[in-house]
Amino acid sequence: MKADVSLLGPGIRSWVRTSPGTHIWLLIIGVTSLVIAAASQDLETFLLHRTSSNIHQLNKHPLQSLLISGFWIENPSSFVLYACLFELVHANVERWIGTARWLFTVAVAHVAATLISQQVVLMSIEDHSLPRSMKHVVDIGVSYGLAAAAGILAYRVPRPWRWLYLVGLVLFFAVPLCTGGTYTDIGHAISVAIGLACWPLTNGRPPWDFTRPAVARVRVPATAGGGPADGSGGPADTPEGPTTASGDTTAAVGDPTAAGGEPTALRRTDAPGPSRSRRPRSSR
């Protein structure tokens, strides 16, 4: 139990280090959520409309509104939910296909879904199906990127579970769209389609293997001299070294001298000769 706890810190650091884009994005959303939570009602209204990618802002500041709108959420109390979704979806995708491919998928989906959905709003306004005030509607959030990441994540789920995942994903976004959906539901559907269409980015990336057992690691307590307590002289935390058919551990390769200072040859440690300490080979 203590060993599991001691490995928790390095595991978290490794998780964050291999998905930097996800956690930088999440950090920025945390800061902007604090700003919204601390702002007055008037300031909150100004910030939400100023950072929206609605028709008004797209006409005035197209690039700025497309970029900034992806770093705000309207309800700061939803931050914990989004943090969980980021870890479950974004972090897994980024770790799997790499930061550049993940960022490409999310950025394309965010931009395309925003532009298309706002074009639908504009057409509805011109058709008098929506009021002209919809040109100033608050349109911010990270859901388009999440939907795209959820789409491409389908290719990491092994068959036959992939089909169940796809059915659930399609139903989750298609049902609202087919039952009186809004322009946001249109954007979600577009984002999922873009994520699914990015399957070439997953070439060479293996899916999850739910049948592979976890690799056990042996932790050997270190002595005062810096080596393991068994006197092997190997690292304190290393996988078990290779063994021969008879169960004997092979000698380390590249060690110029043995424990007694004599030159060693590449041979089994149970061969005749002076007694030498066994050094497990470290694997990369």
Protein backbone atom coordinates (compact mmCIF):
# COMPACT_ATOMS: atom_id res chain seq x y z
CA MET A 1 0.00 0.00 0.00
CA LYS A 2 2.83 2.41 0.85
CA ALA A 3 4.51 1.56 -2.45
CA ASP A 4 1.32 2.44 -4.34
CA VAL A 5 1.10 5.80 -2.56
CA SER A 6 4.76 6.57 -3.27
CA LEU A 7 4.19 5.97 -6.99
CA LEU A 8 1.12 8.25 -7.09
CA GLY A 9 3.10 11.49 -7.29
CA PRO A 10 5.37 10.43 -10.17
CA GLY A 11 2.33 8.98 -11.94
CA ILE A 12 0.46 12.27 -11.79
CA ARG A 13 3.53 14.20 -12.97
CA SER A 14 3.95 11.81 -15.88
CA TRP A 15 0.25 12.18 -16.80
CA VAL A 16 0.46 15.97 -16.84
CA ARG A 17 3.83 16.01 -18.62
CA THR A 18 2.53 13.85 -21.47
CA SER A 19 -0.62 15.94 -21.97
CA PRO A 20 0.61 19.54 -21.59
CA GLY A 21 -1.91 21.12 -23.95
CA THR A 22 -4.87 19.72 -22.04
CA HIS A 23 -3.66 21.02 -18.69
CA ILE A 24 -2.55 24.44 -19.96
CA TRP A 25 -6.00 24.86 -21.50
CA LEU A 26 -7.64 23.68 -18.28
CA LEU A 27 -5.53 26.10 -16.23
CA ILE A 28 -6.59 29.05 -18.38
CA ILE A 29 -10.25 28.04 -18.07
CA GLY A 30 -9.79 27.89 -14.29
CA VAL A 31 -8.43 31.43 -14.24
CA THR A 32 -11.19 32.84 -16.46
CA SER A 33 -13.80 31.04 -14.35
CA LEU A 34 -12.44 32.72 -11.24
CA VAL A 35 -12.65 36.08 -13.02
CA ILE A 36 -16.31 35.48 -13.90
CA ALA A 37 -17.11 34.29 -10.38
CA ALA A 38 -15.55 37.38 -8.81
CA ALA A 39 -16.95 39.90 -11.31
CA SER A 40 -20.01 42.03 -10.78
CA GLN A 41 -23.14 41.35 -12.81
CA ASP A 42 -22.41 44.17 -15.26
CA LEU A 43 -18.78 43.16 -15.71
CA GLU A 44 -19.76 39.52 -16.17
CA THR A 45 -22.24 40.45 -18.89
CA PHE A 46 -19.62 42.60 -20.64
CA LEU A 47 -16.94 39.87 -20.52
CA LEU A 48 -19.22 37.10 -21.73
CA HIS A 49 -20.45 39.14 -24.70
CA ARG A 50 -17.03 40.60 -25.48
CA THR A 51 -15.38 37.17 -25.64
CA SER A 52 -18.21 35.47 -27.55
CA SER A 53 -17.87 34.22 -31.09
CA ASN A 54 -21.33 35.46 -32.08
CA ILE A 55 -22.19 37.13 -35.37
CA HIS A 56 -21.48 40.62 -34.06
CA GLN A 57 -18.03 39.76 -32.70
CA LEU A 58 -17.15 37.61 -35.73
CA ASN A 59 -17.81 40.59 -38.00
CA LYS A 60 -15.73 42.96 -35.85
CA HIS A 61 -12.92 40.73 -34.51
CA PRO A 62 -13.06 37.37 -36.33
CA LEU A 63 -9.72 35.88 -35.30
CA GLN A 64 -9.81 37.23 -31.77
CA SER A 65 -13.34 36.02 -31.07
CA LEU A 66 -12.66 32.55 -32.49
CA LEU A 67 -9.58 32.16 -30.29
CA ILE A 68 -10.76 33.71 -27.03
CA SER A 69 -14.18 32.10 -26.96
CA GLY A 70 -12.58 28.70 -26.39
CA PHE A 71 -11.10 29.74 -23.04
CA TRP A 72 -14.29 30.76 -21.21
CA ILE A 73 -17.25 28.90 -19.76
CA GLU A 74 -20.49 30.68 -18.93
CA ASN A 75 -21.08 28.99 -15.57
CA PRO A 76 -18.00 28.81 -13.30
CA SER A 77 -19.69 26.15 -11.16
CA SER A 78 -19.33 23.77 -14.12
CA PHE A 79 -15.54 23.90 -13.94
CA VAL A 80 -15.21 20.69 -11.91
CA LEU A 81 -17.30 18.81 -14.47
CA TYR A 82 -15.21 20.16 -17.32
CA ALA A 83 -12.01 19.27 -15.47
CA CYS A 84 -13.16 15.64 -15.23
CA LEU A 85 -14.11 15.58 -18.92
CA PHE A 86 -10.75 17.09 -19.89
CA GLU A 87 -8.92 14.32 -18.02
CA LEU A 88 -11.14 11.58 -19.43
CA VAL A 89 -11.25 12.77 -23.04
CA HIS A 90 -8.67 15.43 -23.95
CA ALA A 91 -5.79 14.03 -21.91
CA ASN A 92 -6.27 10.50 -23.26
CA VAL A 93 -6.41 11.71 -26.85
CA GLU A 94 -3.37 13.98 -26.47
CA ARG A 95 -1.31 11.24 -24.84
CA TRP A 96 -2.35 8.82 -27.57
CA ILE A 97 -1.85 10.77 -30.82
CA GLY A 98 0.43 13.56 -29.58
CA THR A 99 -0.09 17.21 -28.80
CA ALA A 100 0.16 18.49 -32.38
CA ARG A 101 -2.44 16.10 -33.81
CA TRP A 102 -4.75 16.59 -30.84
CA LEU A 103 -4.52 20.37 -31.15
CA PHE A 104 -5.18 20.22 -34.89
CA THR A 105 -8.34 18.14 -34.37
CA VAL A 106 -9.69 20.33 -31.59
CA ALA A 107 -8.87 23.64 -33.31
CA VAL A 108 -10.40 22.64 -36.64
CA ALA A 109 -13.57 21.44 -34.92
CA HIS A 110 -13.88 24.57 -32.77
CA VAL A 111 -13.46 26.94 -35.72
CA ALA A 112 -15.58 24.99 -38.20
CA ALA A 113 -18.43 24.30 -35.76
CA THR A 114 -18.51 27.95 -34.65
CA LEU A 115 -18.56 29.38 -38.17
CA ILE A 116 -21.15 26.94 -39.51
CA SER A 117 -23.47 27.21 -36.52
CA GLN A 118 -23.33 31.02 -36.59
CA GLN A 119 -24.04 30.96 -40.31
CA VAL A 120 -27.16 28.94 -39.51
CA VAL A 121 -28.13 31.61 -36.97
CA LEU A 122 -27.60 34.35 -39.55
CA MET A 123 -29.73 32.53 -42.12
CA SER A 124 -32.47 32.05 -39.54
CA ILE A 125 -32.39 35.76 -38.69
CA GLU A 126 -32.67 36.73 -42.33
CA ASP A 127 -35.53 34.25 -42.67
CA HIS A 128 -37.21 35.86 -39.62
CA SER A 129 -37.09 32.55 -37.76
CA LEU A 130 -34.91 34.09 -35.05
CA PRO A 131 -34.85 37.63 -33.61
CA ARG A 132 -32.07 40.00 -34.61
CA SER A 133 -30.87 40.01 -31.00
CA MET A 134 -29.35 36.57 -31.69
CA LYS A 135 -26.49 38.39 -33.40
CA HIS A 136 -25.31 39.28 -29.88
CA VAL A 137 -25.98 35.91 -28.26
CA VAL A 138 -23.38 34.59 -25.81
CA ASP A 139 -21.45 31.91 -27.68
CA ILE A 140 -18.48 30.72 -25.65
CA GLY A 141 -17.30 27.40 -24.28
CA VAL A 142 -15.15 24.34 -24.82
CA SER A 143 -17.81 21.81 -25.79
CA TYR A 144 -17.00 21.81 -29.51
CA GLY A 145 -13.44 20.75 -28.81
CA LEU A 146 -14.61 18.12 -26.34
CA ALA A 147 -17.03 16.69 -28.89
CA ALA A 148 -14.27 16.43 -31.51
CA ALA A 149 -11.90 14.74 -29.05
CA ALA A 150 -14.66 12.31 -28.05
CA GLY A 151 -15.10 11.48 -31.73
CA ILE A 152 -11.47 10.67 -32.45
CA LEU A 153 -11.19 8.79 -29.15
CA ALA A 154 -13.50 6.15 -30.65
CA TYR A 155 -10.54 4.75 -32.60
CA ARG A 156 -8.68 4.02 -29.39
CA VAL A 157 -11.47 1.81 -28.07
CA PRO A 158 -10.85 -1.77 -29.27
CA ARG A 159 -13.47 -3.77 -31.11
CA PRO A 160 -16.18 -4.85 -30.32
CA TRP A 161 -16.46 -2.17 -27.62
CA ARG A 162 -15.83 0.52 -30.23
CA TRP A 163 -19.25 -0.03 -31.77
CA LEU A 164 -20.98 0.40 -28.42
CA TYR A 165 -19.00 3.57 -27.81
CA LEU A 166 -19.95 4.93 -31.23
CA VAL A 167 -23.64 4.16 -30.74
CA GLY A 168 -23.63 5.93 -27.38
CA LEU A 169 -21.69 8.89 -28.79
CA VAL A 170 -24.00 9.35 -31.78
CA LEU A 171 -27.13 9.04 -29.66
CA PHE A 172 -25.81 11.54 -27.10
CA PHE A 173 -25.39 14.26 -29.72
CA ALA A 174 -28.03 13.24 -32.28
CA VAL A 175 -31.05 13.05 -29.97
CA PRO A 176 -30.95 16.76 -28.97
CA LEU A 177 -30.34 17.72 -32.60
CA CYS A 178 -33.35 15.75 -33.84
CA THR A 179 -35.69 16.93 -31.09
CA GLY A 180 -35.68 20.68 -31.64
CA GLY A 181 -31.96 21.29 -31.37
CA THR A 182 -30.34 24.71 -31.21
CA TYR A 183 -27.38 26.11 -33.11
CA THR A 184 -25.16 24.72 -30.34
CA ASP A 185 -26.43 21.20 -31.03
CA ILE A 186 -25.57 21.73 -34.70
CA GLY A 187 -22.05 22.71 -33.67
CA HIS A 188 -21.72 19.60 -31.51
CA ALA A 189 -22.79 17.33 -34.37
CA ILE A 190 -20.27 18.99 -36.70
CA SER A 191 -17.51 18.64 -34.12
CA VAL A 192 -18.16 14.92 -33.59
CA ALA A 193 -18.16 14.38 -37.36
CA ILE A 194 -14.81 16.19 -37.67
CA GLY A 195 -13.35 14.10 -34.85
CA LEU A 196 -14.46 10.89 -36.56
CA ALA A 197 -13.12 12.15 -39.89
CA CYS A 198 -9.66 12.64 -38.34
CA TRP A 199 -9.07 8.88 -38.16
CA PRO A 200 -5.96 9.16 -40.45
CA LEU A 201 -4.26 10.96 -37.56
CA THR A 202 -4.52 7.75 -35.53
CA ASN A 203 -2.51 5.63 -37.99
CA GLY A 204 0.21 3.76 -36.16
CA ARG A 205 -1.37 4.42 -32.77
CA PRO A 206 -2.50 1.18 -31.10
CA PRO A 207 -5.89 1.01 -29.37
CA TRP A 208 -6.32 0.21 -25.71
CA ASP A 209 -5.53 -3.39 -24.79
CA PHE A 210 -7.96 -4.31 -22.03
CA THR A 211 -6.53 -7.85 -21.79
CA ARG A 212 -2.88 -6.90 -21.12
CA PRO A 213 -1.89 -7.42 -17.48
CA ALA A 214 -0.11 -4.68 -15.62
CA VAL A 215 3.70 -4.98 -15.54
CA ALA A 216 4.87 -5.67 -12.02
CA ARG A 217 7.84 -3.74 -10.71
CA VAL A 218 10.13 -4.88 -7.93
CA ARG A 219 11.15 -2.23 -5.40
CA VAL A 220 14.31 -3.17 -3.52
CA PRO A 221 15.09 -1.12 -0.39
CA ALA A 222 18.39 0.71 -0.59
CA THR A 223 21.15 0.26 1.96
CA ALA A 224 23.32 2.96 3.47
CA GLY A 225 25.87 2.43 0.69
CA GLY A 226 23.33 3.29 -1.98
CA GLY A 227 22.75 -0.25 -3.29
CA PRO A 228 19.94 -2.71 -2.67
CA ALA A 229 19.82 -4.60 0.62
CA ASP A 230 20.56 -7.93 -1.10
CA GLY A 231 24.03 -6.67 -2.13
CA SER A 232 23.32 -6.94 -5.84
CA GLY A 233 24.50 -3.39 -6.49
CA GLY A 234 21.61 -2.72 -8.91
CA PRO A 235 19.19 0.18 -8.94
CA ALA A 236 16.75 0.51 -6.07
CA ASP A 237 13.62 0.42 -8.28
CA THR A 238 13.91 -1.64 -11.43
CA PRO A 239 12.08 -4.44 -13.22
CA GLU A 240 13.44 -7.94 -12.65
CA GLY A 241 16.34 -8.78 -14.92
CA PRO A 242 16.27 -11.44 -17.68
CA THR A 243 16.72 -15.05 -16.66
CA THR A 244 18.00 -18.11 -18.45
CA ALA A 245 16.07 -21.31 -19.02
CA SER A 246 17.39 -22.69 -15.73
CA GLY A 247 16.20 -19.62 -13.83
CA ASP A 248 19.66 -18.04 -13.34
CA THR A 249 20.00 -14.32 -13.84
CA THR A 250 22.48 -13.39 -16.57
CA ALA A 251 25.41 -11.10 -15.81
CA ALA A 252 25.19 -7.45 -16.70
CA VAL A 253 26.61 -6.45 -20.08
CA GLY A 254 29.08 -3.62 -20.25
CA ASP A 255 30.39 -3.87 -16.64
CA PRO A 256 34.19 -3.72 -17.13
CA THR A 257 35.02 -5.27 -13.76
CA ALA A 258 33.37 -7.56 -11.28
CA ALA A 259 33.02 -6.94 -7.56
CA GLY A 260 36.64 -7.99 -6.99
CA GLY A 261 38.06 -5.71 -9.67
CA GLU A 262 38.83 -8.50 -12.15
CA PRO A 263 37.89 -8.17 -15.83
CA THR A 264 34.79 -10.14 -16.60
CA ALA A 265 33.63 -11.90 -19.71
CA LEU A 266 30.08 -12.27 -20.96
CA ARG A 267 29.07 -15.49 -19.23
CA ARG A 268 26.54 -16.87 -16.81
CA THR A 269 27.05 -16.01 -13.18
CA ASP A 270 26.87 -19.66 -12.13
CA ALA A 271 29.94 -20.58 -14.20
CA PRO A 272 33.13 -21.60 -12.34
CA GLY A 273 35.26 -18.75 -11.20
CA PRO A 274 35.54 -16.17 -8.44
CA SER A 275 32.32 -15.21 -6.73
CA ARG A 276 30.81 -12.07 -8.24
CA SER A 277 27.80 -10.02 -7.26
CA ARG A 278 24.79 -10.26 -9.51
CA ARG A 279 23.67 -7.03 -11.12
CA PRO A 280 20.20 -6.95 -12.70
CA ARG A 281 20.10 -5.36 -16.13
CA SER A 282 18.16 -2.12 -16.32
CA SER A 283 15.63 -1.91 -19.10
CA ARG A 284 14.77 1.26 -20.97
